[in-house]
Amino acid sequence: MKRDTEPNLGFWAKLKKPIMAMAPMANVTDAAFRRMFVEIKKPDVFWTEFVSVEGLLSKGRQKLLPDLWYDKREYPIVAQLFGGKPEQFERIGALIQKLGFDGIDINMGCPDKSVEKSGGGAALMKNPALAKEIIRAAKRGAGKLPVSVKTRIGYRKNEIETWMPALLKEHIAALTIHFRTRNEMSKVPAHWDLAPKIVEMRNQIAPRTLLLGNGDISSLDEAKRRAKETGLDGVMVGRGVFGNPWFFSGRVPDLREKLERLVTHTELFEKLYKSNTEARIKNFEVMKKHFKAYVSGFDDAKELRIKLMEAEDAASVRRIIEGR
């Protein structure tokens, strides 16, 4: 079978540069969180939380499908998948198409031990041959959907001279680089100085593949500046969007608006993820990691957070906020 020498860009070809994207973060960027951005100002492209291809092909699929829930107002939206078996990526393409996604993204950077144990995530940086097989399999299964990759600059050290060309030679639609190694996690500043070199590689190997950078972006202005300085096609924002649905609008909300949005977010989370049975689709504890992000930077923030951490449902969150 002859391999593609030009990427299938799909929806990516229609996006204006610099492209602003929201990073996929497990139990953070779920459907409720993303809806907050739809209502204020959404990025140019959304990612889902990452989901196991093996899990989606198992009897436990129904438990994972909520991680792929989205609202049509979120278009364009990409399903991010992880795993270590090429045949599973090929098989899962039919489901992703059926669910109506705009693209498929392969996670090749997550440092979670359970993800690496599956052969996926950051483990693929140690096995470029397998990474290539997975990309090709995903392309075969994706139909008309574009395939992209999110990764890091290396596993234990900077490996862009070998790792980036390996990926670029597969002519993927887009490549997002978190400018840290797997071992650095988020403990050191992101190495944005490496971006121009990667852009140069892209221009030589796969000029149509789009490049996005990720790491330490705290504002929309900074994201635009990074793209302009480095020559990247866009920027993916991770922690900068935490508790900040106003990020892509560039606007800074006042305290009242932040607290009102926290209540709205919590109520939507409960509406989406509380089933009609005793069990929850997503545990309410997941929502609590957002409280610190929303509730900060004012005098009684700590005291309010302590109260909110005791909340058991959206109604109690509303009572606490209204009674402060």
Protein backbone atom coordinates (compact mmCIF):
# COMPACT_ATOMS: atom_id res chain seq x y z
CA MET A 1 0.00 0.00 0.00
CA LYS A 2 1.41 3.36 -1.02
CA ARG A 3 1.75 5.79 1.86
CA ASP A 4 0.39 9.31 1.68
CA THR A 5 3.00 11.97 1.01
CA GLU A 6 0.58 14.84 1.61
CA PRO A 7 -1.41 15.19 4.81
CA ASN A 8 -5.18 15.12 4.87
CA LEU A 9 -5.78 18.45 6.60
CA GLY A 10 -9.56 18.23 6.77
CA PHE A 11 -10.99 21.02 8.92
CA TRP A 12 -7.46 22.19 9.81
CA ALA A 13 -7.12 23.78 6.38
CA LYS A 14 -9.97 26.18 7.17
CA LEU A 15 -8.57 27.57 10.42
CA LYS A 16 -7.07 31.03 10.53
CA LYS A 17 -3.60 31.42 12.02
CA PRO A 18 -2.48 31.66 14.69
CA ILE A 19 -4.66 28.70 15.70
CA MET A 20 -5.70 28.75 19.35
CA ALA A 21 -6.47 25.34 20.88
CA MET A 22 -7.40 24.00 24.30
CA ALA A 23 -5.26 21.16 25.64
CA PRO A 24 -6.91 17.87 26.57
CA MET A 25 -6.67 17.28 30.33
CA ALA A 26 -8.18 14.19 31.96
CA ASN A 27 -11.06 15.00 34.33
CA VAL A 28 -10.64 18.70 33.58
CA THR A 29 -11.60 19.52 29.99
CA ASP A 30 -14.81 17.49 29.98
CA ALA A 31 -18.04 18.48 28.25
CA ALA A 32 -19.17 20.72 31.12
CA PHE A 33 -15.86 22.61 31.20
CA ARG A 34 -15.79 23.11 27.43
CA ARG A 35 -19.38 24.38 27.45
CA MET A 36 -18.27 27.31 29.61
CA PHE A 37 -15.99 28.42 26.77
CA VAL A 38 -18.70 27.97 24.15
CA GLU A 39 -20.85 30.41 26.12
CA ILE A 40 -18.10 33.04 26.44
CA LYS A 41 -15.46 32.58 23.72
CA LYS A 42 -14.32 29.23 22.39
CA PRO A 43 -10.89 28.33 20.98
CA ASP A 44 -10.42 27.62 17.27
CA VAL A 45 -10.42 23.89 18.01
CA PHE A 46 -11.39 21.75 21.00
CA TRP A 47 -9.91 18.41 22.11
CA THR A 48 -11.78 15.84 24.19
CA GLU A 49 -10.28 14.26 27.26
CA PHE A 50 -8.03 11.43 26.15
CA VAL A 51 -9.64 7.99 25.94
CA SER A 52 -8.19 4.48 25.71
CA VAL A 53 -8.70 2.80 22.32
CA GLU A 54 -8.52 -0.56 24.06
CA GLY A 55 -11.25 0.48 26.47
CA LEU A 56 -13.48 1.78 23.68
CA LEU A 57 -13.21 -1.60 21.96
CA SER A 58 -14.00 -3.55 25.14
CA LYS A 59 -17.21 -4.44 26.96
CA GLY A 60 -16.58 -1.42 29.18
CA ARG A 61 -17.08 1.03 26.29
CA GLN A 62 -20.22 2.56 27.82
CA LYS A 63 -18.26 3.77 30.85
CA LEU A 64 -15.80 5.61 28.62
CA LEU A 65 -18.20 7.17 26.14
CA PRO A 66 -19.05 10.10 28.49
CA ASP A 67 -15.44 11.24 27.97
CA LEU A 68 -16.37 11.71 24.30
CA TRP A 69 -19.58 13.66 24.91
CA TYR A 70 -19.72 17.05 23.23
CA ASP A 71 -22.16 19.69 22.04
CA LYS A 72 -22.37 20.54 18.34
CA ARG A 73 -21.55 24.14 19.25
CA GLU A 74 -18.04 22.90 20.05
CA TYR A 75 -17.18 22.15 16.42
CA PRO A 76 -14.46 21.73 15.32
CA ILE A 77 -13.63 19.11 17.95
CA VAL A 78 -10.99 16.39 17.90
CA ALA A 79 -11.19 13.06 19.74
CA GLN A 80 -7.92 12.33 21.52
CA LEU A 81 -7.03 8.66 21.89
CA PHE A 82 -4.23 6.70 23.51
CA GLY A 83 -3.00 3.14 23.26
CA GLY A 84 -0.15 0.99 22.06
CA LYS A 85 -1.70 -1.37 19.49
CA PRO A 86 -1.96 -0.21 15.86
CA GLU A 87 -4.84 -2.55 14.97
CA GLN A 88 -6.95 -0.99 17.72
CA PHE A 89 -6.44 2.49 16.29
CA GLU A 90 -7.52 1.25 12.89
CA ARG A 91 -10.65 -0.39 14.31
CA ILE A 92 -11.67 2.61 16.42
CA GLY A 93 -11.82 4.96 13.42
CA ALA A 94 -15.34 3.82 12.53
CA LEU A 95 -16.65 4.76 15.99
CA ILE A 96 -15.01 8.19 15.93
CA GLN A 97 -16.54 8.87 12.51
CA LYS A 98 -19.95 7.70 13.69
CA LEU A 99 -19.78 10.02 16.70
CA GLY A 100 -19.28 12.99 14.37
CA PHE A 101 -15.83 14.20 15.34
CA ASP A 102 -13.77 16.44 13.06
CA GLY A 103 -10.49 14.63 13.61
CA ILE A 104 -8.47 12.09 15.57
CA ASP A 105 -5.48 13.02 17.74
CA ILE A 106 -3.02 10.44 19.07
CA ASN A 107 -1.55 11.06 22.51
CA MET A 108 2.21 10.41 22.45
CA GLY A 109 3.20 12.48 25.46
CA CYS A 110 1.17 11.61 28.56
CA PRO A 111 3.50 10.57 31.43
CA ASP A 112 0.81 8.70 33.41
CA LYS A 113 2.20 5.30 34.39
CA SER A 114 -0.96 3.39 33.53
CA VAL A 115 -1.04 5.01 30.08
CA GLU A 116 2.62 4.17 29.48
CA LYS A 117 2.01 0.61 30.65
CA SER A 118 -0.50 0.24 27.80
CA GLY A 119 2.32 1.12 25.40
CA GLY A 120 0.79 4.51 24.67
CA GLY A 121 1.35 8.11 25.72
CA ALA A 122 4.95 9.05 26.44
CA ALA A 123 6.09 5.42 26.04
CA LEU A 124 5.79 5.83 22.26
CA MET A 125 8.70 8.28 22.31
CA LYS A 126 10.89 5.29 23.18
CA ASN A 127 9.49 3.29 20.27
CA PRO A 128 9.36 5.42 17.09
CA ALA A 129 8.73 2.37 14.90
CA LEU A 130 5.55 1.55 16.84
CA ALA A 131 4.53 5.22 16.81
CA LYS A 132 4.73 5.22 13.02
CA GLU A 133 2.68 2.03 12.79
CA ILE A 134 0.01 3.57 15.00
CA ILE A 135 -0.19 6.72 12.87
CA ARG A 136 -0.56 4.67 9.69
CA ALA A 137 -3.20 2.44 11.26
CA ALA A 138 -5.12 5.46 12.56
CA LYS A 139 -5.07 6.98 9.07
CA ARG A 140 -6.43 3.77 7.55
CA GLY A 141 -9.30 3.70 10.02
CA ALA A 142 -10.05 7.43 10.05
CA GLY A 143 -11.67 7.64 6.63
CA LYS A 144 -11.85 11.32 5.69
CA LEU A 145 -10.92 12.50 9.18
CA PRO A 146 -7.49 14.13 9.60
CA VAL A 147 -5.06 12.51 12.03
CA SER A 148 -2.83 14.57 14.33
CA VAL A 149 -0.38 13.88 17.17
CA LYS A 150 0.38 15.53 20.52
CA THR A 151 3.78 14.79 22.04
CA ARG A 152 6.78 16.14 23.95
CA ILE A 153 10.37 17.00 22.96
CA GLY A 154 11.69 13.68 24.23
CA TYR A 155 11.49 11.12 27.01
CA ARG A 156 14.50 11.65 29.27
CA LYS A 157 16.23 14.35 27.22
CA ASN A 158 15.78 16.62 24.21
CA GLU A 159 15.33 14.29 21.23
CA ILE A 160 13.85 16.64 18.64
CA GLU A 161 16.59 15.84 16.10
CA THR A 162 15.31 12.27 15.79
CA TRP A 163 11.78 12.25 17.22
CA MET A 164 10.30 15.17 15.28
CA PRO A 165 11.46 13.95 11.84
CA ALA A 166 10.07 10.48 12.63
CA LEU A 167 6.63 11.98 13.16
CA LEU A 168 6.79 14.57 10.38
CA LYS A 169 7.67 11.93 7.80
CA GLU A 170 4.24 10.39 8.44
CA HIS A 171 2.60 13.54 7.01
CA ILE A 172 0.08 14.05 9.78
CA ALA A 173 -2.35 16.98 9.66
CA ALA A 174 -1.01 18.67 12.79
CA LEU A 175 1.68 18.12 15.40
CA THR A 176 1.39 19.66 18.86
CA ILE A 177 4.60 19.81 20.90
CA HIS A 178 4.67 20.26 24.65
CA PHE A 179 8.10 21.84 25.05
CA ARG A 180 9.27 19.65 27.91
CA THR A 181 10.53 16.08 28.18
CA ARG A 182 8.51 13.35 29.80
CA ASN A 183 10.85 13.29 32.81
CA GLU A 184 10.65 17.06 33.26
CA MET A 185 6.86 16.80 33.64
CA SER A 186 5.94 20.44 34.42
CA LYS A 187 8.76 21.07 36.88
CA VAL A 188 10.86 23.32 34.62
CA PRO A 189 9.97 26.17 32.25
CA ALA A 190 8.87 25.06 28.79
CA HIS A 191 11.68 25.13 26.20
CA TRP A 192 10.08 27.47 23.67
CA ASP A 193 13.54 28.24 22.27
CA LEU A 194 13.37 24.87 20.47
CA ALA A 195 10.34 25.89 18.42
CA PRO A 196 12.16 27.61 15.51
CA LYS A 197 14.31 24.50 14.94
CA ILE A 198 11.20 22.30 14.79
CA VAL A 199 9.58 24.75 12.38
CA GLU A 200 12.68 24.49 10.19
CA MET A 201 12.43 20.68 10.23
CA ARG A 202 8.75 20.85 9.33
CA ASN A 203 9.43 23.18 6.42
CA GLN A 204 11.94 20.72 5.00
CA ILE A 205 10.11 17.44 5.67
CA ALA A 206 6.36 18.11 5.68
CA PRO A 207 5.61 21.76 4.87
CA ARG A 208 1.83 21.33 4.99
CA THR A 209 1.75 19.79 8.47
CA LEU A 210 0.61 22.38 11.02
CA LEU A 211 2.65 22.94 14.18
CA LEU A 212 1.26 24.00 17.56
CA GLY A 213 3.28 24.72 20.69
CA ASN A 214 2.26 24.00 24.28
CA GLY A 215 3.61 24.96 27.70
CA ASP A 216 3.38 27.81 30.24
CA ILE A 217 0.93 30.00 28.33
CA SER A 218 -0.85 32.29 30.77
CA SER A 219 -2.72 34.74 28.51
CA LEU A 220 -4.12 35.13 25.02
CA ASP A 221 -1.61 37.89 24.27
CA GLU A 222 1.25 35.62 25.29
CA ALA A 223 -0.11 32.82 23.07
CA LYS A 224 -0.24 35.12 20.05
CA ARG A 225 3.23 36.46 20.81
CA ARG A 226 4.70 32.96 21.06
CA ALA A 227 3.21 31.99 17.70
CA LYS A 228 4.56 35.14 16.05
CA GLU A 229 8.06 34.84 17.55
CA THR A 230 8.52 31.15 16.77
CA GLY A 231 6.80 30.78 13.41
CA LEU A 232 4.44 28.15 14.77
CA ASP A 233 0.97 27.87 13.25
CA GLY A 234 -0.70 28.01 16.61
CA VAL A 235 -0.63 27.47 20.35
CA MET A 236 -2.33 24.96 22.63
CA VAL A 237 -3.19 26.20 26.13
CA GLY A 238 -3.29 23.90 29.14
CA ARG A 239 -3.18 25.17 32.72
CA GLY A 240 -3.86 28.73 31.55
CA VAL A 241 -7.50 27.89 30.87
CA PHE A 242 -8.08 26.30 34.26
CA GLY A 243 -10.86 28.26 35.98
CA ASN A 244 -10.73 30.79 33.16
CA PRO A 245 -13.47 30.39 30.52
CA TRP A 246 -12.66 33.97 29.49
CA PHE A 247 -9.17 33.01 28.29
CA PHE A 248 -9.86 33.11 24.55
CA SER A 249 -11.81 36.37 24.84
CA GLY A 250 -8.79 38.08 26.38
CA ARG A 251 -11.12 39.60 28.97
CA VAL A 252 -10.51 39.60 32.74
CA PRO A 253 -13.76 39.00 34.68
CA ASP A 254 -14.60 40.55 38.03
CA LEU A 255 -15.05 38.43 41.17
CA ARG A 256 -18.85 38.34 40.97
CA GLU A 257 -18.73 36.99 37.42
CA LYS A 258 -16.15 34.35 38.34
CA LEU A 259 -18.23 33.05 41.23
CA GLU A 260 -21.42 33.04 39.15
CA ARG A 261 -19.61 31.06 36.45
CA LEU A 262 -18.38 28.58 39.06
CA VAL A 263 -21.98 27.92 40.09
CA THR A 264 -23.10 27.58 36.47
CA HIS A 265 -20.23 25.21 35.71
CA THR A 266 -21.01 23.07 38.77
CA GLU A 267 -24.70 22.85 37.96
CA LEU A 268 -24.00 21.82 34.38
CA PHE A 269 -21.45 19.24 35.54
CA GLU A 270 -24.05 17.70 37.82
CA LYS A 271 -26.73 17.79 35.13
CA LEU A 272 -24.48 16.01 32.63
CA TYR A 273 -22.75 13.50 34.87
CA LYS A 274 -25.23 12.57 37.57
CA SER A 275 -27.21 9.55 36.39
CA ASN A 276 -30.74 8.61 37.42
CA THR A 277 -29.32 5.88 39.63
CA GLU A 278 -27.30 6.12 42.84
CA ALA A 279 -24.07 5.93 40.84
CA ARG A 280 -22.56 9.00 39.24
CA ILE A 281 -21.21 8.95 35.70
CA LYS A 282 -18.43 11.19 36.99
CA ASN A 283 -17.83 11.60 40.69
CA PHE A 284 -18.61 15.06 42.09
CA GLU A 285 -15.07 15.11 43.53
CA VAL A 286 -13.85 15.72 39.95
CA MET A 287 -15.55 19.12 39.99
CA LYS A 288 -13.73 20.17 43.14
CA LYS A 289 -10.38 20.53 41.38
CA HIS A 290 -11.92 23.54 39.62
CA PHE A 291 -12.82 25.34 42.85
CA LYS A 292 -9.28 26.51 43.61
CA ALA A 293 -8.88 27.83 40.07
CA TYR A 294 -12.08 29.86 40.18
CA VAL A 295 -11.71 30.93 43.83
CA SER A 296 -8.40 32.76 44.15
CA GLY A 297 -6.92 36.23 44.27
CA PHE A 298 -9.20 37.86 46.85
CA ASP A 299 -9.21 38.28 50.63
CA ASP A 300 -11.42 35.42 51.81
CA ALA A 301 -10.58 33.04 48.96
CA LYS A 302 -8.97 30.40 51.20
CA GLU A 303 -11.89 30.31 53.62
CA LEU A 304 -14.37 30.05 50.74
CA ARG A 305 -12.42 27.21 49.13
CA ILE A 306 -12.41 25.27 52.39
CA LYS A 307 -16.20 25.54 52.55
CA LEU A 308 -16.60 24.54 48.91
CA MET A 309 -14.46 21.44 49.38
CA GLU A 310 -17.10 20.19 51.81
CA ALA A 311 -19.89 20.57 49.25
CA GLU A 312 -21.59 17.37 48.13
CA ASP A 313 -23.63 18.68 45.22
CA ALA A 314 -24.36 21.71 43.05
CA ALA A 315 -27.13 22.98 45.33
CA SER A 316 -24.73 23.23 48.28
CA VAL A 317 -22.17 25.03 46.10
CA ARG A 318 -24.81 27.60 45.18
CA ARG A 319 -25.76 28.09 48.85
CA ILE A 320 -22.14 28.60 49.87
CA ILE A 321 -21.45 31.13 47.10
CA GLU A 322 -24.66 33.08 47.69
CA GLY A 323 -24.09 33.11 51.44
CA ARG A 324 -20.50 34.38 51.44
